[in-house]
């Protein structure tokens, strides 16, 4: 998919990602201590790591975002079972989540709950599962909670818009 189509098709998720990441034209160290630039990118278009002193324009930041989404993020997320059944909003919620925590999250250690609800098509449990990934007790919890809630709301909006059948949740407790 051409970069402009990526940005248009997944616009709701990309706008959410942009809202929480912000766009920085000068390299900065993110809370994890990694040099970052643009819309939260840790690597340049050529794959080189961002370093102190790097600068980028708005156009370059937008192009970098589209390229990384099209070349790395979407191919990784497309491995999630039932990806093609999801609405653009549902996919967008996972794009934002994956951009923040790593787009190879599905099936990875520490992501068992979210991987399970996605695998089992327990769509109504996805917002609750997203909320688990907020670093409780950390200085970042409040912001991560807001992001996970926004991702969950986008997921739910996409579920309602698509009229997708919802597989019954397990009874009781968190997903």
Protein backbone atom coordinates (compact mmCIF):
# COMPACT_ATOMS: atom_id res chain seq x y z
CA UNK A 1 0.00 0.00 0.00
CA UNK A 2 1.50 3.40 -0.96
CA UNK A 3 2.38 5.62 2.04
CA UNK A 4 -0.43 8.11 1.35
CA UNK A 5 -2.94 5.25 1.30
CA UNK A 6 -1.56 3.91 4.60
CA UNK A 7 -2.05 7.30 6.23
CA UNK A 8 -5.60 7.61 4.86
CA UNK A 9 -6.82 4.05 5.51
CA UNK A 10 -5.58 3.96 9.11
CA UNK A 11 -6.19 7.66 9.78
CA UNK A 12 -8.08 7.24 13.08
CA UNK A 13 -5.29 5.15 14.62
CA UNK A 14 -2.57 7.35 13.20
CA UNK A 15 -4.23 10.48 14.60
CA UNK A 16 -4.35 8.77 17.98
CA UNK A 17 -0.68 7.82 17.69
CA UNK A 18 0.18 11.41 16.74
CA UNK A 19 -1.84 12.82 19.64
CA UNK A 20 0.09 10.80 22.19
CA UNK A 21 3.54 10.81 20.57
CA UNK A 22 3.72 14.43 19.47
CA UNK A 23 6.14 15.47 16.74
CA UNK A 24 9.62 16.62 17.69
CA UNK A 25 11.94 18.07 15.06
CA UNK A 26 15.07 17.73 17.18
CA UNK A 27 16.23 14.40 18.61
CA UNK A 28 15.40 13.89 22.29
CA UNK A 29 15.69 11.06 24.77
CA UNK A 30 12.34 9.44 25.43
CA UNK A 31 11.43 8.27 28.96
CA UNK A 32 13.06 4.92 28.18
CA UNK A 33 16.34 6.75 27.45
CA UNK A 34 16.31 6.11 23.68
CA UNK A 35 17.04 8.87 21.15
CA UNK A 36 13.81 9.65 19.33
CA UNK A 37 12.66 12.05 16.60
CA UNK A 38 9.55 12.95 14.61
CA UNK A 39 6.44 11.03 15.61
CA UNK A 40 8.31 8.86 18.11
CA UNK A 41 10.73 7.19 15.68
CA UNK A 42 13.94 5.72 17.05
CA UNK A 43 15.40 5.03 13.61
CA UNK A 44 15.86 7.07 10.46
CA UNK A 45 14.40 6.01 7.10
CA UNK A 46 17.74 4.34 6.23
CA UNK A 47 17.58 2.26 9.43
CA UNK A 48 20.27 4.24 11.27
CA UNK A 49 19.55 4.90 14.93
CA UNK A 50 18.51 8.42 15.84
CA UNK A 51 21.34 10.20 17.69
CA UNK A 52 21.90 13.42 19.59
CA UNK A 53 21.83 16.45 17.30
CA UNK A 54 19.63 14.85 14.61
CA UNK A 55 16.96 17.09 13.13
CA UNK A 56 13.97 16.47 10.91
CA UNK A 57 11.34 18.57 9.10
CA UNK A 58 7.58 18.08 9.38
CA UNK A 59 7.50 16.57 5.89
CA UNK A 60 10.34 14.19 6.74
CA UNK A 61 8.62 13.18 9.99
CA UNK A 62 5.38 12.42 8.14
CA UNK A 63 7.23 10.48 5.44
CA UNK A 64 9.16 8.52 8.06
CA UNK A 65 5.95 7.64 9.90
CA UNK A 66 4.28 6.42 6.69
CA UNK A 67 7.34 4.42 5.66
CA UNK A 68 7.76 2.71 9.03
CA UNK A 69 4.05 1.92 9.19
CA UNK A 70 3.98 0.47 5.68
CA UNK A 71 7.28 -1.40 5.78
CA UNK A 72 7.46 -2.63 9.38
CA UNK A 73 4.41 -2.04 11.55
CA UNK A 74 1.64 -3.26 9.25
CA UNK A 75 3.46 -6.43 8.14
CA UNK A 76 4.04 -7.33 11.80
CA UNK A 77 0.45 -6.60 12.83
CA UNK A 78 -0.96 -8.45 9.80
CA UNK A 79 0.29 -11.65 11.49
CA UNK A 80 -2.36 -11.21 14.18
CA UNK A 81 -5.12 -13.76 13.54
CA UNK A 82 -8.29 -12.18 12.14
CA UNK A 83 -6.46 -8.92 11.23
CA UNK A 84 -8.31 -8.72 7.90
CA UNK A 85 -11.67 -9.04 9.71
CA UNK A 86 -10.98 -5.98 11.86
CA UNK A 87 -12.28 -2.54 10.95
CA UNK A 88 -9.78 0.27 10.21
CA UNK A 89 -10.55 1.66 13.69
CA UNK A 90 -9.78 -1.64 15.38
CA UNK A 91 -6.58 -1.96 13.37
CA UNK A 92 -5.79 1.68 14.19
CA UNK A 93 -6.10 1.01 17.92
CA UNK A 94 -3.56 -1.81 17.56
CA UNK A 95 -1.28 0.40 15.43
CA UNK A 96 -1.18 3.00 18.21
CA UNK A 97 -0.62 0.32 20.85
CA UNK A 98 2.10 -1.37 18.80
CA UNK A 99 3.85 1.92 18.02
CA UNK A 100 4.04 2.59 21.75
CA UNK A 101 5.02 -0.89 23.00
CA UNK A 102 6.49 -2.61 19.95
CA UNK A 103 4.64 -3.84 16.90
CA UNK A 104 5.77 -7.43 17.40
CA UNK A 105 3.73 -7.64 20.61
CA UNK A 106 1.37 -10.38 19.40
CA UNK A 107 2.43 -13.65 21.00
CA UNK A 108 5.43 -12.04 22.72
CA UNK A 109 6.30 -12.54 26.37
CA UNK A 110 4.32 -10.18 28.56
CA UNK A 111 1.48 -9.80 26.07
CA UNK A 112 -0.35 -13.05 26.76
CA UNK A 113 -3.69 -11.56 27.74
CA UNK A 114 -3.99 -9.28 24.72
CA UNK A 115 -2.70 -12.01 22.38
CA UNK A 116 -5.28 -14.45 23.77
CA UNK A 117 -8.29 -12.17 23.37
CA UNK A 118 -7.23 -11.28 19.82
CA UNK A 119 -6.57 -14.92 18.88
CA UNK A 120 -9.91 -16.04 20.31
CA UNK A 121 -11.83 -13.12 18.74
CA UNK A 122 -13.08 -11.97 22.13
CA UNK A 123 -13.43 -8.50 20.67
CA UNK A 124 -15.35 -7.03 23.61
CA UNK A 125 -12.45 -7.93 25.93
CA UNK A 126 -9.82 -6.07 23.91
CA UNK A 127 -10.30 -2.65 25.61
CA UNK A 128 -9.92 -4.25 29.05
CA UNK A 129 -6.85 -6.15 27.87
CA UNK A 130 -5.25 -2.99 26.45
CA UNK A 131 -5.69 -1.28 29.80
CA UNK A 132 -3.45 -3.87 31.45
CA UNK A 133 -0.41 -2.34 29.67
CA UNK A 134 0.00 0.95 31.55
CA UNK A 135 2.97 0.43 33.95
CA UNK A 136 1.03 0.65 37.24
CA UNK A 137 2.83 2.63 39.91
CA UNK A 138 5.17 4.35 37.45
CA UNK A 139 5.44 8.05 36.69
CA UNK A 140 3.97 7.22 33.27
CA UNK A 141 0.86 5.38 34.42
CA UNK A 142 -1.53 8.32 34.11
CA UNK A 143 -0.50 9.08 30.52
CA UNK A 144 -0.42 5.43 29.54
CA UNK A 145 -3.87 4.92 31.08
CA UNK A 146 -5.22 7.79 28.98
CA UNK A 147 -3.62 6.29 25.87
CA UNK A 148 -4.91 2.77 26.56
CA UNK A 149 -8.41 4.14 27.25
CA UNK A 150 -8.32 6.08 23.97
CA UNK A 151 -7.12 2.98 22.10
CA UNK A 152 -9.90 0.95 23.74
CA UNK A 153 -12.50 3.56 22.76
CA UNK A 154 -11.25 3.53 19.16
CA UNK A 155 -11.35 -0.28 19.15
CA UNK A 156 -14.94 -0.23 20.45
CA UNK A 157 -16.01 2.41 17.91
CA UNK A 158 -14.65 0.20 15.15
CA UNK A 159 -16.43 -2.82 16.57
CA UNK A 160 -19.73 -0.97 16.59
CA UNK A 161 -19.18 0.48 13.10
CA UNK A 162 -18.31 -2.89 11.58
CA UNK A 163 -21.21 -4.75 13.14
CA UNK A 164 -18.68 -7.50 13.80
CA UNK A 165 -20.07 -10.40 15.77
CA UNK A 166 -18.63 -10.48 19.26
CA UNK A 167 -17.51 -13.77 20.71
CA UNK A 168 -18.72 -14.17 24.27
CA UNK A 169 -16.31 -13.13 26.98
CA UNK A 170 -15.22 -15.42 29.73
CA UNK A 171 -17.41 -14.89 32.71
CA UNK A 172 -16.06 -12.89 35.61
CA UNK A 173 -12.82 -11.06 36.24
CA UNK A 174 -10.42 -9.33 33.94
CA UNK A 175 -9.62 -10.85 30.53
